[in-house]
C-alpha cells in the first residue's frame, strides 16, 4: 500500500503565538471539503527559546498554576490559554515539541488510537535510541519512565485538538529541559508526580529528533517531504 505523504517542517526560535497561528492556518485549510492538502498533512517540529505555560480549555488555572502574573513576568514566562485538551504544561529550551496536523479520515477515525500511536512513537524512540523503558500509566495520557525506586516520572506530555477528524497540537518531549519550571505548576493537573528529562547533553537534541522522525514514519506509515 502506498504510504501517505506528510510535509515536514521545523519551526525553531519562533514565539508561541506564531507557531499556534501557523498550526491554525493549516488546520483550518485541512478541515475544508476541497482543501489543497487533501490526503496529506503536516508534521511540525518546534524548539522554543522562551519559557511558556499553556493551559487547555478545561484546565484548572486557579488550582494548577502555582504562581501569579508578577512572578511570571519576573521570570520571563509567557502564559497562553489555548484550544487543546488537557491541563497546564510547560514549553521551553531543551524540549522537542511535535505538532502533527493530520486528517484522520485517511488514517483511522479513532482518537484514542491516535493518542496511543503518539505514545508509541516516544516509547520506541526511548528504547531504541537510549535503552530507556518508557511506559504508559493507566488512565493518564503521556509517557513515563521509572527510577530504581519504581517511581514514575513523566517525560512526554500530550494534548491535542480534533475537529472534523483533523488534528492539531501534540507532544512535548523533555530532552534536556530545565525542570525547575515545572515546579511552578501542577503539570497536566496530576498531583504528586514529577517530570523528568533525558539528560543534559547538547548533542542529544539532534539525535533524539531524528529518532522520533524515524518512528513517527514507521508507526503512522507515512513519508516525510
N, C-alpha and C. Protein backbone atom coordinates (compact mmCIF):
# COMPACT_ATOMS: atom_id res chain seq x y z
N UNK A 1 0.84 -1.19 0.00
CA UNK A 1 0.00 0.00 0.00
C UNK A 1 0.88 1.25 0.00
N UNK A 2 0.50 2.20 -0.83
CA UNK A 2 1.28 3.42 -0.93
C UNK A 2 1.19 4.23 0.36
N UNK A 3 2.33 4.72 0.83
CA UNK A 3 2.34 5.46 2.08
C UNK A 3 1.80 6.87 1.88
N UNK A 4 1.19 7.39 2.92
CA UNK A 4 0.69 8.76 2.89
C UNK A 4 1.87 9.73 2.99
N UNK A 5 1.65 10.93 2.49
CA UNK A 5 2.71 11.93 2.46
C UNK A 5 2.42 13.01 3.50
N UNK A 6 3.41 13.31 4.33
CA UNK A 6 3.32 14.44 5.25
C UNK A 6 4.40 15.45 4.89
N UNK A 7 4.05 16.71 4.96
CA UNK A 7 5.02 17.78 4.76
C UNK A 7 5.69 18.06 6.10
N UNK A 8 7.00 17.93 6.15
CA UNK A 8 7.74 18.11 7.40
C UNK A 8 8.38 19.49 7.44
N UNK A 9 8.26 20.14 8.59
CA UNK A 9 8.84 21.47 8.72
C UNK A 9 9.31 21.69 10.15
N UNK A 10 10.47 22.33 10.29
CA UNK A 10 10.97 22.72 11.61
C UNK A 10 10.73 24.21 11.79
N UNK A 11 10.16 24.56 12.94
CA UNK A 11 9.90 25.96 13.29
C UNK A 11 10.66 26.25 14.57
N UNK A 12 11.85 26.77 14.45
CA UNK A 12 12.70 26.98 15.62
C UNK A 12 12.86 28.47 15.91
N UNK A 13 12.79 28.79 17.20
CA UNK A 13 13.06 30.16 17.63
C UNK A 13 11.89 31.11 17.48
N UNK A 14 10.71 30.60 17.10
CA UNK A 14 9.54 31.47 16.96
C UNK A 14 8.83 31.64 18.30
N UNK A 15 8.05 32.69 18.41
CA UNK A 15 7.19 32.87 19.56
C UNK A 15 6.06 31.84 19.52
N UNK A 16 5.54 31.50 20.70
CA UNK A 16 4.46 30.51 20.74
C UNK A 16 3.26 30.97 19.92
N UNK A 17 2.92 32.25 20.02
CA UNK A 17 1.76 32.76 19.28
C UNK A 17 1.91 32.53 17.78
N UNK A 18 3.14 32.67 17.28
CA UNK A 18 3.38 32.49 15.84
C UNK A 18 3.20 31.04 15.41
N UNK A 19 3.71 30.10 16.21
CA UNK A 19 3.55 28.69 15.84
C UNK A 19 2.10 28.25 15.99
N UNK A 20 1.41 28.78 16.98
CA UNK A 20 -0.01 28.48 17.17
C UNK A 20 -0.81 28.97 15.97
N UNK A 21 -0.53 30.19 15.53
CA UNK A 21 -1.22 30.75 14.36
C UNK A 21 -0.92 29.94 13.10
N UNK A 22 0.32 29.49 12.97
CA UNK A 22 0.72 28.69 11.81
C UNK A 22 -0.04 27.37 11.79
N UNK A 23 -0.12 26.73 12.96
CA UNK A 23 -0.91 25.49 13.06
C UNK A 23 -2.36 25.71 12.66
N UNK A 24 -2.96 26.77 13.22
CA UNK A 24 -4.38 27.02 12.98
C UNK A 24 -4.66 27.29 11.51
N UNK A 25 -3.73 27.95 10.84
CA UNK A 25 -3.91 28.23 9.41
C UNK A 25 -3.99 26.92 8.62
N UNK A 26 -3.05 26.00 8.88
CA UNK A 26 -3.06 24.69 8.20
C UNK A 26 -4.30 23.90 8.60
N UNK A 27 -4.59 23.89 9.89
CA UNK A 27 -5.73 23.16 10.45
C UNK A 27 -7.04 23.59 9.77
N UNK A 28 -7.24 24.90 9.62
CA UNK A 28 -8.47 25.41 9.02
C UNK A 28 -8.57 25.04 7.54
N UNK A 29 -7.44 25.05 6.84
CA UNK A 29 -7.43 24.65 5.42
C UNK A 29 -7.81 23.18 5.30
N UNK A 30 -7.24 22.34 6.17
CA UNK A 30 -7.46 20.90 6.06
C UNK A 30 -8.88 20.48 6.42
N UNK A 31 -9.59 21.31 7.16
CA UNK A 31 -10.98 20.99 7.52
C UNK A 31 -11.95 21.26 6.37
N UNK A 32 -11.51 22.02 5.37
CA UNK A 32 -12.38 22.33 4.24
C UNK A 32 -12.60 21.09 3.37
N UNK A 33 -13.78 21.00 2.77
CA UNK A 33 -14.14 19.81 1.98
C UNK A 33 -13.20 19.59 0.80
N UNK A 34 -12.82 20.64 0.13
CA UNK A 34 -11.95 20.52 -1.05
C UNK A 34 -10.61 21.21 -0.79
N UNK A 35 -9.98 20.83 0.32
CA UNK A 35 -8.76 21.52 0.70
C UNK A 35 -7.58 21.13 -0.20
N UNK A 36 -6.61 22.03 -0.27
CA UNK A 36 -5.45 21.82 -1.15
C UNK A 36 -4.47 20.81 -0.59
N UNK A 37 -4.67 20.41 0.67
CA UNK A 37 -3.79 19.42 1.29
C UNK A 37 -4.47 18.05 1.38
N UNK A 38 -5.44 17.81 0.51
CA UNK A 38 -6.20 16.56 0.56
C UNK A 38 -5.27 15.35 0.54
N UNK A 39 -5.53 14.42 1.45
CA UNK A 39 -4.74 13.19 1.61
C UNK A 39 -3.30 13.45 2.04
N UNK A 40 -3.03 14.66 2.50
CA UNK A 40 -1.70 14.97 3.03
C UNK A 40 -1.87 15.53 4.43
N UNK A 41 -0.78 15.96 5.00
CA UNK A 41 -0.81 16.57 6.31
C UNK A 41 0.53 17.18 6.59
N UNK A 42 0.71 17.65 7.81
CA UNK A 42 1.95 18.28 8.22
C UNK A 42 2.48 17.61 9.48
N UNK A 43 3.80 17.59 9.60
CA UNK A 43 4.45 17.24 10.86
C UNK A 43 5.41 18.37 11.18
N UNK A 44 5.12 19.09 12.26
CA UNK A 44 5.93 20.24 12.66
C UNK A 44 6.76 19.88 13.88
N UNK A 45 8.06 20.14 13.81
CA UNK A 45 8.95 20.04 14.97
C UNK A 45 9.31 21.46 15.40
N UNK A 46 9.15 21.74 16.69
CA UNK A 46 9.38 23.09 17.20
C UNK A 46 10.34 23.04 18.39
N UNK A 47 11.26 23.98 18.40
CA UNK A 47 12.16 24.17 19.53
C UNK A 47 12.00 25.62 19.99
N UNK A 48 11.42 25.79 21.18
CA UNK A 48 11.17 27.13 21.70
C UNK A 48 12.38 27.64 22.48
N UNK A 49 12.66 28.93 22.32
CA UNK A 49 13.75 29.56 23.06
C UNK A 49 13.25 30.25 24.32
N UNK A 50 11.96 30.54 24.37
CA UNK A 50 11.39 31.23 25.53
C UNK A 50 10.69 30.23 26.45
N UNK A 51 10.32 30.70 27.64
CA UNK A 51 9.62 29.87 28.62
C UNK A 51 8.12 30.14 28.51
N UNK A 52 7.34 29.06 28.45
CA UNK A 52 5.91 29.19 28.14
C UNK A 52 5.11 28.23 29.01
N UNK A 53 3.99 28.72 29.54
CA UNK A 53 2.97 27.84 30.10
C UNK A 53 1.74 27.92 29.20
N UNK A 54 1.17 26.77 28.87
CA UNK A 54 -0.10 26.73 28.15
C UNK A 54 -1.08 25.90 28.97
N UNK A 55 -2.33 26.30 28.91
CA UNK A 55 -3.36 25.54 29.63
C UNK A 55 -4.52 25.27 28.68
N UNK A 56 -5.02 24.04 28.71
CA UNK A 56 -6.10 23.63 27.82
C UNK A 56 -7.44 24.22 28.24
N UNK A 57 -8.43 24.04 27.39
CA UNK A 57 -9.73 24.70 27.59
C UNK A 57 -10.45 24.23 28.85
N UNK A 58 -10.14 23.03 29.34
CA UNK A 58 -10.77 22.53 30.56
C UNK A 58 -9.80 22.53 31.74
N UNK A 59 -8.65 23.18 31.58
CA UNK A 59 -7.66 23.21 32.64
C UNK A 59 -8.10 24.06 33.83
N UNK A 60 -7.59 23.72 35.00
CA UNK A 60 -7.95 24.43 36.24
C UNK A 60 -6.83 25.39 36.61
N UNK A 61 -6.91 26.57 36.02
CA UNK A 61 -5.84 27.56 36.20
C UNK A 61 -5.65 27.95 37.65
N UNK A 62 -6.73 28.16 38.38
CA UNK A 62 -6.63 28.61 39.77
C UNK A 62 -6.00 27.57 40.68
N UNK A 63 -6.10 26.31 40.30
CA UNK A 63 -5.55 25.23 41.13
C UNK A 63 -4.17 24.78 40.68
N UNK A 64 -3.91 24.81 39.38
CA UNK A 64 -2.71 24.15 38.86
C UNK A 64 -1.61 25.11 38.41
N UNK A 65 -1.90 26.40 38.35
CA UNK A 65 -0.87 27.42 38.15
C UNK A 65 -0.54 27.97 39.52
N UNK A 66 0.69 27.72 39.99
CA UNK A 66 1.04 27.98 41.38
C UNK A 66 1.67 29.35 41.61
N UNK A 67 1.84 30.13 40.56
CA UNK A 67 2.46 31.46 40.67
C UNK A 67 1.55 32.49 40.03
N UNK A 68 1.79 33.77 40.36
CA UNK A 68 0.95 34.83 39.80
C UNK A 68 1.61 35.49 38.60
N UNK A 69 0.91 36.43 38.01
CA UNK A 69 1.40 37.08 36.79
C UNK A 69 2.68 37.87 37.03
N UNK A 70 2.82 38.44 38.21
CA UNK A 70 4.05 39.20 38.52
C UNK A 70 5.27 38.28 38.55
N UNK A 71 5.09 37.10 39.13
CA UNK A 71 6.18 36.13 39.16
C UNK A 71 6.56 35.71 37.75
N UNK A 72 5.56 35.42 36.92
CA UNK A 72 5.84 35.01 35.54
C UNK A 72 6.53 36.11 34.76
N UNK A 73 6.13 37.34 34.99
CA UNK A 73 6.78 38.47 34.32
C UNK A 73 8.24 38.57 34.74
N UNK A 74 8.51 38.39 36.02
CA UNK A 74 9.88 38.46 36.53
C UNK A 74 10.74 37.34 35.95
N UNK A 75 10.15 36.17 35.76
CA UNK A 75 10.88 35.01 35.23
C UNK A 75 10.83 34.92 33.70
N UNK A 76 10.20 35.91 33.06
CA UNK A 76 10.06 35.92 31.59
C UNK A 76 9.33 34.68 31.07
N UNK A 77 8.24 34.35 31.74
CA UNK A 77 7.40 33.22 31.33
C UNK A 77 6.14 33.75 30.66
N UNK A 78 5.89 33.32 29.44
CA UNK A 78 4.65 33.67 28.74
C UNK A 78 3.56 32.68 29.10
N UNK A 79 2.31 33.15 29.13
CA UNK A 79 1.19 32.30 29.52
C UNK A 79 0.09 32.38 28.46
N UNK A 80 -0.41 31.20 28.03
CA UNK A 80 -1.45 31.15 26.99
C UNK A 80 -2.56 30.19 27.40
N UNK A 81 -3.79 30.65 27.25
CA UNK A 81 -4.96 29.78 27.35
C UNK A 81 -5.30 29.34 25.93
N UNK A 82 -5.25 28.04 25.67
CA UNK A 82 -5.35 27.57 24.29
C UNK A 82 -6.48 26.55 24.11
N UNK A 83 -6.65 26.14 22.85
CA UNK A 83 -7.83 25.36 22.46
C UNK A 83 -7.59 23.86 22.37
N UNK A 84 -6.71 23.33 23.18
CA UNK A 84 -6.47 21.88 23.18
C UNK A 84 -7.11 21.25 24.40
N UNK A 85 -7.06 19.92 24.44
CA UNK A 85 -7.46 19.21 25.64
C UNK A 85 -6.32 19.23 26.65
N UNK A 86 -6.57 18.64 27.79
CA UNK A 86 -5.52 18.57 28.81
C UNK A 86 -5.49 19.81 29.68
N UNK A 87 -4.55 19.81 30.61
CA UNK A 87 -4.46 20.88 31.60
C UNK A 87 -3.24 21.76 31.31
N UNK A 88 -2.47 22.08 32.31
CA UNK A 88 -1.36 23.02 32.15
C UNK A 88 -0.04 22.28 31.91
N UNK A 89 0.79 22.85 31.05
CA UNK A 89 2.12 22.29 30.81
C UNK A 89 3.11 23.40 30.52
N UNK A 90 4.36 23.01 30.42
CA UNK A 90 5.46 23.95 30.16
C UNK A 90 6.12 23.62 28.84
N UNK A 91 6.49 24.65 28.09
CA UNK A 91 7.34 24.52 26.91
C UNK A 91 8.55 25.43 27.09
N UNK A 92 9.71 24.95 26.63
CA UNK A 92 10.89 25.79 26.74
C UNK A 92 12.11 25.16 26.11
N UNK A 93 13.27 25.79 26.28
CA UNK A 93 14.52 25.29 25.70
C UNK A 93 14.80 23.85 26.13
N UNK A 94 15.36 23.07 25.21
CA UNK A 94 15.70 21.69 25.51
C UNK A 94 14.55 20.72 25.37
N UNK A 95 13.44 21.19 24.87
CA UNK A 95 12.25 20.35 24.71
C UNK A 95 11.91 20.26 23.22
N UNK A 96 11.60 19.06 22.76
CA UNK A 96 11.13 18.87 21.39
C UNK A 96 9.61 18.86 21.41
N UNK A 97 9.02 19.86 20.76
CA UNK A 97 7.56 19.95 20.69
C UNK A 97 7.14 19.52 19.29
N UNK A 98 6.18 18.61 19.23
CA UNK A 98 5.80 17.96 17.97
C UNK A 98 4.32 18.21 17.71
N UNK A 99 4.03 18.80 16.55
CA UNK A 99 2.65 19.10 16.17
C UNK A 99 2.29 18.34 14.90
N UNK A 100 1.67 17.18 14.98
CA UNK A 100 1.14 16.52 13.78
C UNK A 100 -0.21 17.14 13.42
N UNK A 101 -0.35 17.58 12.19
CA UNK A 101 -1.64 18.09 11.71
C UNK A 101 -2.10 17.11 10.64
N UNK A 102 -2.96 16.19 11.04
CA UNK A 102 -3.35 15.06 10.19
C UNK A 102 -4.86 15.06 9.98
N UNK A 103 -5.29 14.55 8.83
CA UNK A 103 -6.70 14.26 8.60
C UNK A 103 -6.89 12.77 8.88
N UNK A 104 -7.50 12.47 10.01
CA UNK A 104 -7.64 11.08 10.43
C UNK A 104 -8.59 10.29 9.53
N UNK A 105 -9.32 10.97 8.65
CA UNK A 105 -10.11 10.25 7.65
C UNK A 105 -9.23 9.36 6.78
N UNK A 106 -7.96 9.73 6.64
CA UNK A 106 -7.04 8.98 5.78
C UNK A 106 -6.11 8.07 6.59
N UNK A 107 -6.33 8.00 7.90
CA UNK A 107 -5.57 7.10 8.76
C UNK A 107 -6.54 6.12 9.43
N UNK A 108 -7.20 6.59 10.46
CA UNK A 108 -8.21 5.81 11.17
C UNK A 108 -9.02 6.82 11.98
N UNK A 109 -10.32 6.62 12.04
CA UNK A 109 -11.19 7.57 12.74
C UNK A 109 -11.39 7.10 14.18
N UNK A 110 -10.31 7.22 14.95
CA UNK A 110 -10.29 6.73 16.33
C UNK A 110 -9.30 7.60 17.10
N UNK A 111 -9.81 8.51 17.91
CA UNK A 111 -8.94 9.46 18.62
C UNK A 111 -8.09 8.76 19.66
N UNK A 112 -8.67 7.78 20.35
CA UNK A 112 -7.88 7.05 21.36
C UNK A 112 -6.72 6.31 20.70
N UNK A 113 -6.97 5.71 19.56
CA UNK A 113 -5.90 5.03 18.83
C UNK A 113 -4.83 6.02 18.40
N UNK A 114 -5.24 7.20 17.97
CA UNK A 114 -4.28 8.24 17.58
C UNK A 114 -3.36 8.60 18.74
N UNK A 115 -3.92 8.80 19.91
CA UNK A 115 -3.10 9.13 21.08
C UNK A 115 -2.17 7.98 21.43
N UNK A 116 -2.66 6.75 21.35
CA UNK A 116 -1.80 5.59 21.62
C UNK A 116 -0.66 5.52 20.62
N UNK A 117 -0.91 5.86 19.36
CA UNK A 117 0.15 5.88 18.35
C UNK A 117 1.20 6.94 18.68
N UNK A 118 0.75 8.12 19.11
CA UNK A 118 1.71 9.16 19.50
C UNK A 118 2.58 8.67 20.66
N UNK A 119 1.95 8.03 21.63
CA UNK A 119 2.71 7.49 22.76
C UNK A 119 3.71 6.44 22.28
N UNK A 120 3.30 5.62 21.34
CA UNK A 120 4.18 4.55 20.84
C UNK A 120 5.41 5.12 20.14
N UNK A 121 5.26 6.25 19.47
CA UNK A 121 6.41 6.91 18.84
C UNK A 121 7.47 7.21 19.90
N UNK A 122 7.06 7.74 21.04
CA UNK A 122 8.01 8.10 22.09
C UNK A 122 8.55 6.85 22.78
N UNK A 123 7.70 5.86 23.03
CA UNK A 123 8.16 4.62 23.66
C UNK A 123 9.27 3.97 22.83
N UNK A 124 9.06 3.86 21.52
CA UNK A 124 10.07 3.25 20.66
C UNK A 124 11.32 4.11 20.58
N UNK A 125 11.15 5.42 20.53
CA UNK A 125 12.31 6.32 20.46
C UNK A 125 13.18 6.18 21.70
N UNK A 126 12.55 6.10 22.86
CA UNK A 126 13.30 5.96 24.12
C UNK A 126 14.05 4.63 24.17
N UNK A 127 13.39 3.55 23.74
CA UNK A 127 14.02 2.23 23.87
C UNK A 127 15.11 2.03 22.82
N UNK A 128 14.81 2.28 21.56
CA UNK A 128 15.79 2.04 20.50
C UNK A 128 16.94 3.04 20.59
N UNK A 129 16.63 4.28 20.92
CA UNK A 129 17.67 5.30 20.94
C UNK A 129 18.51 5.31 22.20
N UNK A 130 17.90 4.97 23.34
CA UNK A 130 18.60 5.19 24.61
C UNK A 130 18.47 4.02 25.60
N UNK A 131 17.80 2.95 25.19
CA UNK A 131 17.57 1.79 26.07
C UNK A 131 16.88 2.21 27.36
N UNK A 132 15.95 3.16 27.22
CA UNK A 132 15.12 3.61 28.34
C UNK A 132 13.72 3.06 28.14
N UNK A 133 13.18 2.45 29.18
CA UNK A 133 11.87 1.82 29.08
C UNK A 133 10.77 2.83 29.39
N UNK A 134 10.20 3.43 28.35
CA UNK A 134 9.08 4.33 28.53
C UNK A 134 7.79 3.53 28.67
N UNK A 135 6.92 3.98 29.56
CA UNK A 135 5.69 3.23 29.83
C UNK A 135 4.49 4.16 29.84
N UNK A 136 3.32 3.57 29.66
CA UNK A 136 2.06 4.28 29.86
C UNK A 136 1.63 4.11 31.31
N UNK A 137 0.86 5.05 31.81
CA UNK A 137 0.26 4.94 33.13
C UNK A 137 -1.25 4.88 32.93
N UNK A 138 -1.85 3.80 33.35
CA UNK A 138 -3.27 3.54 33.07
C UNK A 138 -4.13 4.71 33.52
N UNK A 139 -4.96 5.19 32.61
CA UNK A 139 -5.86 6.28 32.93
C UNK A 139 -5.29 7.66 32.72
N UNK A 140 -4.00 7.73 32.34
CA UNK A 140 -3.35 9.02 32.13
C UNK A 140 -2.70 9.02 30.75
N UNK A 141 -2.70 10.19 30.12
CA UNK A 141 -2.10 10.34 28.80
C UNK A 141 -0.65 10.78 28.93
N UNK A 142 0.22 10.26 28.06
CA UNK A 142 1.63 10.65 28.09
C UNK A 142 2.52 9.44 28.30
N UNK A 143 3.82 9.72 28.40
CA UNK A 143 4.80 8.66 28.60
C UNK A 143 5.63 8.95 29.84
N UNK A 144 5.92 7.88 30.57
CA UNK A 144 6.59 7.96 31.86
C UNK A 144 7.80 7.02 31.86
N UNK A 145 8.75 7.30 32.73
CA UNK A 145 9.84 6.37 32.98
C UNK A 145 9.96 6.19 34.49
N UNK A 146 10.47 5.06 34.92
CA UNK A 146 10.58 4.79 36.35
C UNK A 146 12.03 4.74 36.76
N UNK A 147 12.29 5.15 38.01
CA UNK A 147 13.64 5.09 38.55
C UNK A 147 13.81 3.79 39.34
N UNK A 148 14.94 3.68 40.04
CA UNK A 148 15.22 2.45 40.79
C UNK A 148 14.22 2.22 41.91
N UNK A 149 13.57 3.30 42.36
CA UNK A 149 12.56 3.17 43.41
C UNK A 149 11.18 2.87 42.83
N UNK A 150 11.13 2.64 41.53
CA UNK A 150 9.87 2.36 40.82
C UNK A 150 8.91 3.55 40.86
N UNK A 151 9.46 4.76 41.00
CA UNK A 151 8.64 5.97 40.94
C UNK A 151 8.51 6.40 39.49
N UNK A 152 7.28 6.64 39.05
CA UNK A 152 7.06 7.08 37.68
C UNK A 152 7.26 8.59 37.56
N UNK A 153 8.03 8.99 36.56
CA UNK A 153 8.22 10.40 36.25
C UNK A 153 7.87 10.62 34.79
N UNK A 154 7.20 11.71 34.51
CA UNK A 154 6.70 11.96 33.16
C UNK A 154 7.78 12.62 32.30
N UNK A 155 7.99 12.06 31.11
CA UNK A 155 8.99 12.59 30.20
C UNK A 155 8.36 13.19 28.94
N UNK A 156 7.11 12.84 28.67
CA UNK A 156 6.44 13.36 27.47
C UNK A 156 4.97 13.61 27.77
N UNK A 157 4.53 14.84 27.51
CA UNK A 157 3.12 15.21 27.71
C UNK A 157 2.42 15.31 26.36
N UNK A 158 1.13 15.02 26.35
CA UNK A 158 0.34 15.05 25.12
C UNK A 158 -0.94 15.82 25.36
N UNK A 159 -1.24 16.73 24.45
CA UNK A 159 -2.50 17.46 24.47
C UNK A 159 -2.88 17.81 23.04
N UNK A 160 -4.07 17.43 22.61
CA UNK A 160 -4.44 17.60 21.21
C UNK A 160 -5.79 18.29 21.08
N UNK A 161 -6.07 18.71 19.86
CA UNK A 161 -7.39 19.16 19.45
C UNK A 161 -7.76 18.40 18.19
N UNK A 162 -9.02 17.97 18.09
CA UNK A 162 -9.51 17.29 16.89
C UNK A 162 -10.85 17.90 16.49
N UNK A 163 -10.97 18.32 15.25
CA UNK A 163 -12.22 18.84 14.72
C UNK A 163 -12.39 18.34 13.29
N UNK A 164 -13.55 17.75 13.01
CA UNK A 164 -13.81 17.15 11.70
C UNK A 164 -12.70 16.16 11.33
N UNK A 165 -12.19 15.48 12.35
CA UNK A 165 -11.15 14.46 12.24
C UNK A 165 -9.78 15.01 11.82
N UNK A 166 -9.62 16.33 11.91
CA UNK A 166 -8.30 16.93 11.68
C UNK A 166 -7.69 17.26 13.04
N UNK A 167 -6.40 16.95 13.19
CA UNK A 167 -5.72 17.12 14.48
C UNK A 167 -4.83 18.36 14.48
N UNK A 168 -4.59 18.89 15.68
CA UNK A 168 -3.54 19.89 15.88
C UNK A 168 -3.06 19.80 17.32
N UNK A 169 -2.07 20.60 17.66
CA UNK A 169 -1.32 20.48 18.92
C UNK A 169 -0.66 19.10 18.95
N UNK A 170 -0.14 18.64 20.09
CA UNK A 170 0.55 17.36 20.03
C UNK A 170 1.32 16.99 21.28
N UNK A 171 2.67 16.84 21.14
CA UNK A 171 3.51 16.28 22.20
C UNK A 171 4.60 17.27 22.61
N UNK A 172 5.00 17.16 23.88
CA UNK A 172 6.16 17.89 24.39
C UNK A 172 7.09 16.87 25.05
N UNK A 173 8.25 16.65 24.43
CA UNK A 173 9.19 15.61 24.83
C UNK A 173 10.40 16.28 25.48
N UNK A 174 10.62 15.99 26.77
CA UNK A 174 11.71 16.62 27.52
C UNK A 174 13.03 15.92 27.23
N UNK A 175 13.92 16.65 26.57
CA UNK A 175 15.22 16.07 26.20
C UNK A 175 16.30 16.56 27.16
N UNK A 176 16.60 17.83 27.14
CA UNK A 176 17.49 18.40 28.17
C UNK A 176 16.85 19.68 28.68
N UNK A 177 15.66 19.51 29.22
CA UNK A 177 14.79 20.59 29.67
C UNK A 177 15.12 21.00 31.10
N UNK A 178 15.03 22.30 31.39
CA UNK A 178 15.18 22.80 32.75
C UNK A 178 13.91 22.48 33.53
N UNK A 179 13.99 21.51 34.41
CA UNK A 179 12.80 21.02 35.10
C UNK A 179 12.31 21.96 36.20
N UNK A 180 13.08 22.98 36.51
CA UNK A 180 12.68 23.94 37.55
C UNK A 180 11.32 24.58 37.23
N UNK A 181 11.08 24.80 35.94
CA UNK A 181 9.85 25.50 35.55
C UNK A 181 8.60 24.65 35.78
N UNK A 182 8.76 23.36 35.90
CA UNK A 182 7.61 22.51 36.22
C UNK A 182 7.21 22.62 37.69
N UNK A 183 8.08 23.18 38.52
CA UNK A 183 7.78 23.30 39.95
C UNK A 183 6.80 24.42 40.25
N UNK A 184 6.55 25.27 39.27
CA UNK A 184 5.64 26.39 39.46
C UNK A 184 4.22 26.06 38.99
N UNK A 185 4.01 24.82 38.55
CA UNK A 185 2.69 24.36 38.10
C UNK A 185 2.45 22.95 38.62
N UNK A 186 1.22 22.49 38.47
CA UNK A 186 0.91 21.06 38.65
C UNK A 186 0.81 20.50 37.25
N UNK A 187 1.89 19.93 36.71
CA UNK A 187 1.91 19.54 35.29
C UNK A 187 0.77 18.59 34.94
N UNK A 188 0.02 18.97 33.91
CA UNK A 188 -1.11 18.17 33.42
C UNK A 188 -2.19 17.96 34.48
N UNK A 189 -2.12 18.74 35.57
CA UNK A 189 -3.10 18.61 36.63
C UNK A 189 -2.97 17.35 37.45
N UNK A 190 -1.79 16.70 37.39
CA UNK A 190 -1.58 15.44 38.11
C UNK A 190 -0.71 15.71 39.34
N UNK A 191 -1.29 15.51 40.52
CA UNK A 191 -0.58 15.77 41.77
C UNK A 191 0.38 14.63 42.11
N UNK A 192 1.39 14.98 42.89
CA UNK A 192 2.34 14.01 43.45
C UNK A 192 3.09 13.20 42.39
N UNK A 193 3.29 13.80 41.22
CA UNK A 193 4.10 13.18 40.18
C UNK A 193 5.10 14.21 39.67
N UNK A 194 6.31 13.78 39.43
CA UNK A 194 7.35 14.68 38.96
C UNK A 194 7.58 14.51 37.47
N UNK A 195 8.19 15.53 36.89
CA UNK A 195 8.60 15.48 35.50
C UNK A 195 10.07 15.07 35.44
N UNK A 196 10.49 14.59 34.28
CA UNK A 196 11.90 14.26 34.09
C UNK A 196 12.30 14.60 32.66
N UNK A 197 13.61 14.50 32.40
CA UNK A 197 14.18 14.82 31.10
C UNK A 197 15.25 13.78 30.80
N UNK A 198 15.60 13.60 29.53
CA UNK A 198 16.60 12.59 29.20
C UNK A 198 17.92 12.85 29.92
N UNK A 199 18.59 13.92 29.57
CA UNK A 199 19.81 14.33 30.27
C UNK A 199 20.33 15.60 29.64
N UNK A 200 21.34 16.16 30.24
CA UNK A 200 21.86 17.44 29.77
C UNK A 200 23.03 17.24 28.82
N UNK A 201 22.71 17.03 27.56
CA UNK A 201 23.73 16.91 26.52
C UNK A 201 23.30 17.72 25.32
N UNK A 202 24.15 18.62 24.87
CA UNK A 202 23.78 19.47 23.75
C UNK A 202 23.60 18.69 22.46
N UNK A 203 24.36 17.60 22.27
CA UNK A 203 24.25 16.81 21.05
C UNK A 203 23.04 15.89 21.05
N UNK A 204 22.45 15.73 22.21
CA UNK A 204 21.34 14.79 22.36
C UNK A 204 20.11 15.23 21.57
N UNK A 205 19.90 16.53 21.45
CA UNK A 205 18.68 17.04 20.81
C UNK A 205 18.59 16.58 19.36
N UNK A 206 19.67 16.74 18.61
CA UNK A 206 19.67 16.36 17.19
C UNK A 206 19.44 14.86 17.04
N UNK A 207 20.09 14.07 17.87
CA UNK A 207 19.92 12.61 17.81
C UNK A 207 18.47 12.22 18.09
N UNK A 208 17.89 12.79 19.13
CA UNK A 208 16.53 12.45 19.51
C UNK A 208 15.54 12.84 18.42
N UNK A 209 15.75 14.00 17.84
CA UNK A 209 14.86 14.48 16.79
C UNK A 209 14.80 13.50 15.63
N UNK A 210 15.95 12.99 15.22
CA UNK A 210 15.99 12.04 14.10
C UNK A 210 15.34 10.71 14.46
N UNK A 211 15.52 10.27 15.70
CA UNK A 211 14.90 9.02 16.14
C UNK A 211 13.38 9.14 16.14
N UNK A 212 12.89 10.26 16.66
CA UNK A 212 11.44 10.47 16.71
C UNK A 212 10.85 10.51 15.30
N UNK A 213 11.53 11.18 14.38
CA UNK A 213 11.07 11.22 12.99
C UNK A 213 10.97 9.80 12.41
N UNK A 214 11.98 9.00 12.68
CA UNK A 214 12.02 7.62 12.17
C UNK A 214 10.80 6.83 12.63
N UNK A 215 10.49 6.91 13.92
CA UNK A 215 9.40 6.09 14.44
C UNK A 215 8.03 6.69 14.16
N UNK A 216 7.96 8.00 13.98
CA UNK A 216 6.69 8.57 13.53
C UNK A 216 6.36 8.03 12.14
N UNK A 217 7.35 8.01 11.25
CA UNK A 217 7.14 7.49 9.90
C UNK A 217 6.74 6.02 9.93
N UNK A 218 7.39 5.26 10.80
CA UNK A 218 7.12 3.82 10.87
C UNK A 218 5.73 3.52 11.42
N UNK A 219 5.37 4.16 12.51
CA UNK A 219 4.11 3.83 13.19
C UNK A 219 2.90 4.36 12.42
N UNK A 220 3.03 5.56 11.85
CA UNK A 220 1.91 6.13 11.10
C UNK A 220 1.95 5.75 9.62
N UNK A 221 3.00 5.05 9.21
CA UNK A 221 3.16 4.59 7.82
C UNK A 221 3.06 5.77 6.85
N UNK A 222 3.96 6.74 7.05
CA UNK A 222 3.98 7.94 6.20
C UNK A 222 5.39 8.19 5.69
N UNK A 223 5.45 9.00 4.65
CA UNK A 223 6.71 9.55 4.17
C UNK A 223 6.72 11.04 4.48
N UNK A 224 7.89 11.56 4.83
CA UNK A 224 8.03 12.99 5.10
C UNK A 224 8.78 13.64 3.95
N UNK A 225 8.27 14.78 3.49
CA UNK A 225 8.95 15.50 2.42
C UNK A 225 9.16 16.95 2.83
